[in-house]
Structures are given as structure tokens and as C-alpha cells.
């Protein structure tokens, strides 16, 4: 191998500019794209809405991309950071497909269209309804701080001390603890959707099993109960840290495994639970023995006021 031949990128770009008749695109933007492509030919992804998205930025990106492809490099895509993201992304997609067919350049079909500009949950739902050509979202501010719930309201509560179940009493029913160490199961029905989650005391002999009738109760309202014959039973939690014994070996998952698990959970969730507005309510129940023990301990630990 001898030294690689040096090739000027700009003359190739100008050749395509003349061929396509796109001579009125912004020259400064085109120069910036050429400079960027020269420095980073393997990761050429451009912000195209600095001047005119469709009549300058998109066209300049296409010109440089054609030249890069001539030299054996594959462009990555574009980023949209303003304007009507639905309309602009579809227009960009249309131009890419047109260029792919006109010049027999299949890489245009695989280009990413990245959208940014304060993307939040409402914007994502709106784009999905309108239709779009976006392949990737750049989410910053609203990933760090969720607009609809900027703080996570949660707290750890003590439910057992040295194997002895404990309960926290409160005038607010939702703050009363379900005592004791428990195992959480997800029970699936015949349609493949999860029916409910079930909390069972870890010492209970009768854990839920496939094909067996299981009585599931509301933790605080005995009248709300249902019998479930699960088609599938999934244990939701594994012990990963065991107090003084430290980390339990062999229980940690890779990032890819965790991502796959989350996707599987979403794909097996009833559509009404995933609605953006007026979503359904998912039930979490307790076993009959857990229900009885909860209310027995609640009754025992609640002081009796004396009135005179």
C-alpha cells in the first residue's frame, strides 16, 4: 500500500449543485457542511434549519452526501431543531427517496432524521397522530426533568425487623403499610395481557401457579376480590443486595437485557393502560392470607381511644 490519494470534496459538491440546479442555497452553510464532512466523513449528520430547512439546509446536505458517497463514505443523516417537525420530516424523507431513485444511491433510504427542540411526551403523541418521518428523537431538558411529574414521590418504609412484620398506621388509608416481607407476581390471562400483580407473604406455602385458582383481594376492601386462573405467572423481583451479605452474585443484568425486558413488558400491556388520556387502572392485589394478616396486625396495633 501506497499513500491514499487526496481528493478535493468541494469540486464534487459543486458539480452536483450545478447538475441539480440548486445554485441558490446558502453558500456559508454549504461551506460549513463541506468543512464538517472533510473533518468527520464517517459521522456526517447536519443540522439543516439554520437558514431555510427545505430550500437550503436539506439541499446542501444532499449535495455533500452525494460527494461523500462518491468517495466511499456513508452519511448519517440530518437534524431538525425547529418548525413543523411532522411536515418537515416527511418532506425530507420524500427528497431522500427521490434522490435514492434518481442517482441509484440506496444509502438515502437509511438516513436518520433526528428531531429535537423541547421534545416532550405531548409532542411525541402529537407527532404519532399526525405522521412523521423521524427516526430518532433528541430529548434533553424533558428527559432530565419530567414536566408532568418533576419530582418522584416515593419513600422507603420498614415492613419487617429481624423477621418480625411491622406496620405503619395512618389516618390516610393509602399510607398504611402492608406488613412483612412479600413476593410480587404478575398474573397473565388467556389473551396474553397481565391481569394484575399479586403480593404474597414470602412464608406462604401456596404461591400462585399456572392453571390454579388464586383468590386476589384489594388490600383494604374485602368486598373487592376476584378469582384468577393464570395462564402465566412471572415473579417480578430478584434479590440483588442482601444486607450485611452485600451484593448477590449472578443477579445483575446487562443494559441490553434490561432494555429487552422493559420492551417486553410494554408490548404485553393492555392498550387501555397505555393511553395518554383517561388510561385504565392496573390492579395490585394481595393474597387471602396476606389480607387477613394485614388486618389482624392493623387491629392489634391500633390504640383504642377512651371517651368520657
Protein backbone atom coordinates (compact mmCIF):
# COMPACT_ATOMS: atom_id res chain seq x y z
CA UNK A 1 0.00 0.00 0.00
CA UNK A 2 1.00 3.38 -1.08
CA UNK A 3 -0.36 6.62 0.32
CA UNK A 4 -4.07 7.28 -0.11
CA UNK A 5 -4.95 9.67 -2.90
CA UNK A 6 -6.12 13.09 -1.68
CA UNK A 7 -9.36 14.22 -3.30
CA UNK A 8 -10.93 17.67 -3.10
CA UNK A 9 -14.50 17.41 -1.84
CA UNK A 10 -15.69 20.87 -2.91
CA UNK A 11 -15.43 20.35 -6.72
CA UNK A 12 -17.58 17.19 -6.43
CA UNK A 13 -20.15 19.10 -4.39
CA UNK A 14 -20.25 21.98 -6.90
CA UNK A 15 -20.68 19.50 -9.76
CA UNK A 16 -23.84 18.11 -8.14
CA UNK A 17 -25.02 21.63 -7.34
CA UNK A 18 -24.95 22.54 -11.00
CA UNK A 19 -26.49 19.23 -12.08
CA UNK A 20 -29.44 19.62 -9.71
CA UNK A 21 -29.82 23.37 -10.30
CA UNK A 22 -29.63 24.15 -6.59
CA UNK A 23 -27.43 27.20 -7.08
CA UNK A 24 -29.28 29.49 -4.67
CA UNK A 25 -28.66 27.53 -1.47
CA UNK A 26 -26.82 29.42 1.28
CA UNK A 27 -23.10 29.49 0.46
CA UNK A 28 -21.94 29.88 4.05
CA UNK A 29 -23.98 26.89 5.14
CA UNK A 30 -22.67 24.83 2.23
CA UNK A 31 -19.10 25.75 3.14
CA UNK A 32 -19.74 24.69 6.75
CA UNK A 33 -21.16 21.34 5.61
CA UNK A 34 -18.15 20.73 3.34
CA UNK A 35 -15.76 21.55 6.17
CA UNK A 36 -17.63 19.28 8.56
CA UNK A 37 -17.68 16.43 6.04
CA UNK A 38 -13.96 16.85 5.40
CA UNK A 39 -13.16 16.57 9.11
CA UNK A 40 -15.71 13.89 10.02
CA UNK A 41 -16.66 11.95 6.86
CA UNK A 42 -17.80 8.86 8.78
CA UNK A 43 -20.28 10.66 11.03
CA UNK A 44 -21.75 13.29 8.72
CA UNK A 45 -25.02 14.38 10.36
CA UNK A 46 -26.09 18.00 9.84
CA UNK A 47 -28.42 20.49 11.48
CA UNK A 48 -30.30 21.81 8.44
CA UNK A 49 -32.64 24.53 9.78
CA UNK A 50 -30.14 27.36 10.24
CA UNK A 51 -31.36 29.31 7.21
CA UNK A 52 -34.08 27.61 5.17
CA UNK A 53 -34.72 23.99 6.04
CA UNK A 54 -36.08 22.69 2.74
CA UNK A 55 -34.59 25.07 0.18
CA UNK A 56 -31.10 25.39 1.63
CA UNK A 57 -30.19 23.09 4.51
CA UNK A 58 -31.70 19.91 3.08
CA UNK A 59 -30.35 20.58 -0.41
CA UNK A 60 -26.85 21.39 0.85
CA UNK A 61 -26.86 18.16 2.86
CA UNK A 62 -27.86 16.17 -0.23
CA UNK A 63 -25.09 17.76 -2.31
CA UNK A 64 -22.37 16.94 0.21
CA UNK A 65 -23.81 13.46 0.78
CA UNK A 66 -23.64 12.59 -2.89
CA UNK A 67 -20.00 13.71 -2.99
CA UNK A 68 -19.14 11.74 0.17
CA UNK A 69 -20.73 8.63 -1.29
CA UNK A 70 -18.57 9.01 -4.41
CA UNK A 71 -15.55 8.84 -2.11
CA UNK A 72 -16.74 5.75 -0.27
CA UNK A 73 -18.23 7.36 2.85
CA UNK A 74 -21.80 6.88 4.06
CA UNK A 75 -23.55 9.97 5.51
CA UNK A 76 -25.54 9.52 8.73
CA UNK A 77 -28.47 11.93 8.41
CA UNK A 78 -29.94 15.29 9.37
CA UNK A 79 -31.29 17.02 12.48
CA UNK A 80 -34.37 19.23 12.68
CA UNK A 81 -34.49 21.64 15.60
CA UNK A 82 -37.35 23.99 14.72
CA UNK A 83 -40.52 24.35 12.67
CA UNK A 84 -43.25 21.84 11.93
CA UNK A 85 -41.39 18.61 12.66
CA UNK A 86 -44.09 16.41 11.14
CA UNK A 87 -44.26 18.25 7.82
CA UNK A 88 -40.53 18.90 7.53
CA UNK A 89 -39.53 15.33 8.33
CA UNK A 90 -41.92 13.92 5.74
CA UNK A 91 -40.65 16.36 3.12
CA UNK A 92 -37.05 15.41 3.90
CA UNK A 93 -37.91 11.73 3.69
CA UNK A 94 -39.56 12.30 0.30
CA UNK A 95 -36.47 14.10 -1.04
CA UNK A 96 -34.18 11.33 0.24
CA UNK A 97 -36.23 8.67 -1.52
CA UNK A 98 -36.30 10.75 -4.69
CA UNK A 99 -32.50 11.11 -4.64
CA UNK A 100 -32.09 7.39 -3.95
CA UNK A 101 -34.07 6.54 -7.07
CA UNK A 102 -32.63 9.27 -9.30
CA UNK A 103 -28.96 8.55 -8.57
CA UNK A 104 -29.28 4.86 -7.58
CA UNK A 105 -27.93 5.62 -4.11
CA UNK A 106 -29.66 3.25 -1.65
CA UNK A 107 -27.98 4.84 1.37
CA UNK A 108 -30.55 7.66 1.14
CA UNK A 109 -33.23 5.19 2.30
CA UNK A 110 -31.31 4.56 5.52
CA UNK A 111 -30.51 8.12 6.56
CA UNK A 112 -31.58 9.16 10.06
CA UNK A 113 -33.93 12.10 10.54
CA UNK A 114 -33.30 13.35 14.07
CA UNK A 115 -35.74 15.72 15.77
CA UNK A 116 -35.01 17.90 18.78
CA UNK A 117 -36.39 21.25 20.09
CA UNK A 118 -38.02 20.69 23.53
CA UNK A 119 -39.43 17.28 22.73
CA UNK A 120 -41.79 16.10 25.46
CA UNK A 121 -44.49 13.48 25.90
CA UNK A 122 -47.24 15.62 24.38
CA UNK A 123 -45.12 16.39 21.30
CA UNK A 124 -44.40 12.69 20.79
CA UNK A 125 -48.10 11.78 20.98
CA UNK A 126 -48.97 14.62 18.58
CA UNK A 127 -46.33 13.54 16.06
CA UNK A 128 -47.53 9.94 16.16
CA UNK A 129 -51.08 11.11 15.39
CA UNK A 130 -50.02 13.42 12.55
CA UNK A 131 -47.49 11.06 10.98
CA UNK A 132 -43.81 11.85 10.53
CA UNK A 133 -40.57 10.60 9.01
CA UNK A 134 -38.46 10.96 12.16
CA UNK A 135 -36.21 8.02 13.03
CA UNK A 136 -34.62 9.39 16.20
CA UNK A 137 -35.53 11.91 18.92
CA UNK A 138 -33.04 14.06 20.78
CA UNK A 139 -34.56 14.65 24.22
CA UNK A 140 -32.62 16.74 26.73
CA UNK A 141 -34.48 19.06 29.11
CA UNK A 142 -37.55 16.88 29.43
CA UNK A 143 -35.50 13.75 29.95
CA UNK A 144 -33.69 15.30 32.90
CA UNK A 145 -36.81 16.93 34.36
CA UNK A 146 -40.23 15.47 33.51
CA UNK A 147 -42.73 18.29 33.02
CA UNK A 148 -45.77 16.30 34.16
CA UNK A 149 -44.03 14.91 37.27
CA UNK A 150 -40.86 16.87 38.07
CA UNK A 151 -40.32 15.02 41.36
CA UNK A 152 -40.69 11.32 42.10
CA UNK A 153 -42.89 10.96 45.18
CA UNK A 154 -41.68 7.79 46.84
CA UNK A 155 -40.34 6.72 50.20
CA UNK A 156 -38.87 3.56 51.74
CA UNK A 157 -40.93 2.09 54.59
CA UNK A 158 -39.89 -0.52 57.13
CA UNK A 159 -42.13 -3.61 56.89
CA UNK A 160 -40.11 -6.13 58.92
CA UNK A 161 -37.48 -6.13 61.71
CA UNK A 162 -35.42 -9.27 62.31
CA UNK A 163 -38.12 -11.38 60.71
CA UNK A 164 -40.93 -9.67 62.68
CA UNK A 165 -43.54 -7.98 60.45
CA UNK A 166 -44.25 -4.34 61.27
CA UNK A 167 -46.98 -1.95 60.21
CA UNK A 168 -47.22 1.84 59.91
CA UNK A 169 -50.57 3.29 60.93
CA UNK A 170 -52.02 6.42 59.39
CA UNK A 171 -55.30 8.30 59.08
CA UNK A 172 -54.70 8.21 55.32
CA UNK A 173 -55.54 4.72 54.11
CA UNK A 174 -53.02 4.88 51.26
CA UNK A 175 -50.21 5.38 53.79
CA UNK A 176 -50.97 2.26 55.84
CA UNK A 177 -48.28 -0.34 55.18
CA UNK A 178 -48.80 -3.93 54.12
CA UNK A 179 -46.57 -5.65 56.71
CA UNK A 180 -43.97 -8.37 56.23
CA UNK A 181 -41.61 -9.49 53.51
CA UNK A 182 -43.58 -10.17 50.32
CA UNK A 183 -43.10 -11.68 46.88
CA UNK A 184 -44.62 -9.87 43.89
CA UNK A 185 -46.08 -11.86 40.99
CA UNK A 186 -47.62 -10.80 37.68
CA UNK A 187 -50.57 -12.95 36.61
CA UNK A 188 -51.32 -13.19 32.89
CA UNK A 189 -54.65 -14.18 31.34
CA UNK A 190 -55.53 -16.24 28.29
CA UNK A 191 -55.33 -13.20 25.99
CA UNK A 192 -51.66 -12.71 26.91
CA UNK A 193 -52.21 -9.47 28.86
CA UNK A 194 -51.28 -9.14 32.55
CA UNK A 195 -54.46 -9.24 34.65
CA UNK A 196 -52.99 -7.91 37.89
CA UNK A 197 -49.99 -8.02 40.21
CA UNK A 198 -50.27 -10.07 43.39
CA UNK A 199 -48.38 -9.57 46.66
CA UNK A 200 -47.90 -12.77 48.64
CA UNK A 201 -46.19 -13.19 52.01
CA UNK A 202 -42.80 -14.79 51.45
CA UNK A 203 -43.58 -17.51 54.03
CA UNK A 204 -46.84 -18.58 52.39
CA UNK A 205 -46.84 -22.15 51.13
CA UNK A 206 -49.43 -21.53 48.41
CA UNK A 207 -47.73 -19.28 45.89
CA UNK A 208 -49.70 -18.62 42.64
CA UNK A 209 -49.31 -21.31 39.98
CA UNK A 210 -50.30 -21.61 36.35
CA UNK A 211 -53.77 -23.13 35.89
CA UNK A 212 -54.66 -22.98 39.60
CA UNK A 213 -57.40 -20.75 41.01
CA UNK A 214 -55.99 -17.92 43.10
CA UNK A 215 -58.09 -15.54 45.22
CA UNK A 216 -56.87 -11.94 44.87
CA UNK A 217 -58.14 -9.22 47.21
CA UNK A 218 -57.98 -5.44 47.43
CA UNK A 219 -55.61 -4.72 50.35
CA UNK A 220 -58.16 -2.66 52.30
CA UNK A 221 -61.61 -3.56 50.91
CA UNK A 222 -62.62 -7.19 51.38
CA UNK A 223 -65.61 -6.83 49.05
CA UNK A 224 -63.26 -6.13 46.13
CA UNK A 225 -61.91 -9.53 45.22
CA UNK A 226 -61.51 -11.72 42.18
CA UNK A 227 -60.50 -15.30 41.46
CA UNK A 228 -57.78 -15.62 38.83
CA UNK A 229 -56.72 -18.74 36.95
CA UNK A 230 -53.44 -17.50 35.41
CA UNK A 231 -52.15 -18.70 32.07
CA UNK A 232 -48.69 -17.47 33.03
CA UNK A 233 -47.09 -16.41 36.32
CA UNK A 234 -43.99 -14.19 36.46
CA UNK A 235 -42.04 -13.42 39.61
CA UNK A 236 -41.22 -9.72 39.40
CA UNK A 237 -38.28 -9.30 41.75
CA UNK A 238 -34.96 -10.97 42.45
CA UNK A 239 -32.78 -10.25 45.47
CA UNK A 240 -29.72 -8.24 44.38
CA UNK A 241 -28.49 -6.87 47.75
CA UNK A 242 -28.71 -8.90 50.95
CA UNK A 243 -27.94 -6.57 53.86
CA UNK A 244 -24.69 -7.49 55.60
CA UNK A 245 -24.02 -10.16 52.97
CA UNK A 246 -23.81 -7.49 50.29
CA UNK A 247 -24.42 -7.94 46.58
CA UNK A 248 -25.93 -11.26 45.48
CA UNK A 249 -23.76 -12.64 42.64
CA UNK A 250 -25.24 -13.52 39.27
CA UNK A 251 -28.35 -11.32 39.56
CA UNK A 252 -27.26 -8.21 37.65
CA UNK A 253 -28.48 -7.80 34.07
CA UNK A 254 -26.76 -6.13 31.14
CA UNK A 255 -28.13 -2.92 29.68
CA UNK A 256 -29.36 -4.81 26.60
CA UNK A 257 -31.16 -7.39 28.76
CA UNK A 258 -32.79 -4.65 30.81
CA UNK A 259 -33.90 -2.80 27.67
CA UNK A 260 -35.35 -6.01 26.21
CA UNK A 261 -37.19 -6.74 29.45
CA UNK A 262 -38.77 -3.28 29.51
CA UNK A 263 -39.82 -3.56 25.86
CA UNK A 264 -41.40 -6.97 26.54
CA UNK A 265 -43.34 -5.54 29.48
CA UNK A 266 -44.69 -2.66 27.37
CA UNK A 267 -45.60 -4.99 24.48
CA UNK A 268 -47.55 -7.23 26.86
CA UNK A 269 -49.51 -4.42 28.48
CA UNK A 270 -53.19 -3.83 27.67
CA UNK A 271 -53.60 -0.91 25.23
CA UNK A 272 -56.06 0.91 27.52
CA UNK A 273 -53.37 1.13 30.22
CA UNK A 274 -51.03 2.91 27.80
CA UNK A 275 -53.50 5.59 26.69
CA UNK A 276 -52.15 9.12 27.04
CA UNK A 277 -55.53 10.40 28.26
CA UNK A 278 -58.00 8.57 30.54
CA UNK A 279 -55.83 5.49 30.83
CA UNK A 280 -57.15 2.38 32.54
CA UNK A 281 -56.25 1.43 36.10
CA UNK A 282 -53.94 -1.51 36.73
CA UNK A 283 -54.74 -3.55 39.83
CA UNK A 284 -52.34 -4.65 42.56
CA UNK A 285 -53.88 -7.21 44.91
CA UNK A 286 -52.85 -9.29 47.92
CA UNK A 287 -53.37 -12.96 48.69
CA UNK A 288 -56.06 -14.02 51.17
CA UNK A 289 -53.53 -14.86 53.91
CA UNK A 290 -51.72 -11.55 53.41
CA UNK A 291 -55.05 -9.72 53.63
CA UNK A 292 -56.01 -11.49 56.86
CA UNK A 293 -52.63 -10.87 58.48
CA UNK A 294 -52.64 -7.20 57.46
CA UNK A 295 -55.99 -6.56 59.09
CA UNK A 296 -55.19 -8.64 62.16
CA UNK A 297 -51.99 -6.69 62.82
CA UNK A 298 -53.74 -3.43 62.00
CA UNK A 299 -56.43 -4.25 64.56
CA UNK A 300 -53.87 -5.29 67.18
CA UNK A 301 -51.58 -2.29 66.78
CA UNK A 302 -54.28 0.39 66.61
CA UNK A 303 -54.75 2.01 70.03
CA UNK A 304 -58.28 2.23 71.42
CA UNK A 305 -59.24 5.73 72.37
CA UNK A 306 -61.22 6.22 75.52
CA UNK A 307 -64.06 8.73 75.53
CA UNK A 308 -65.65 10.09 78.72
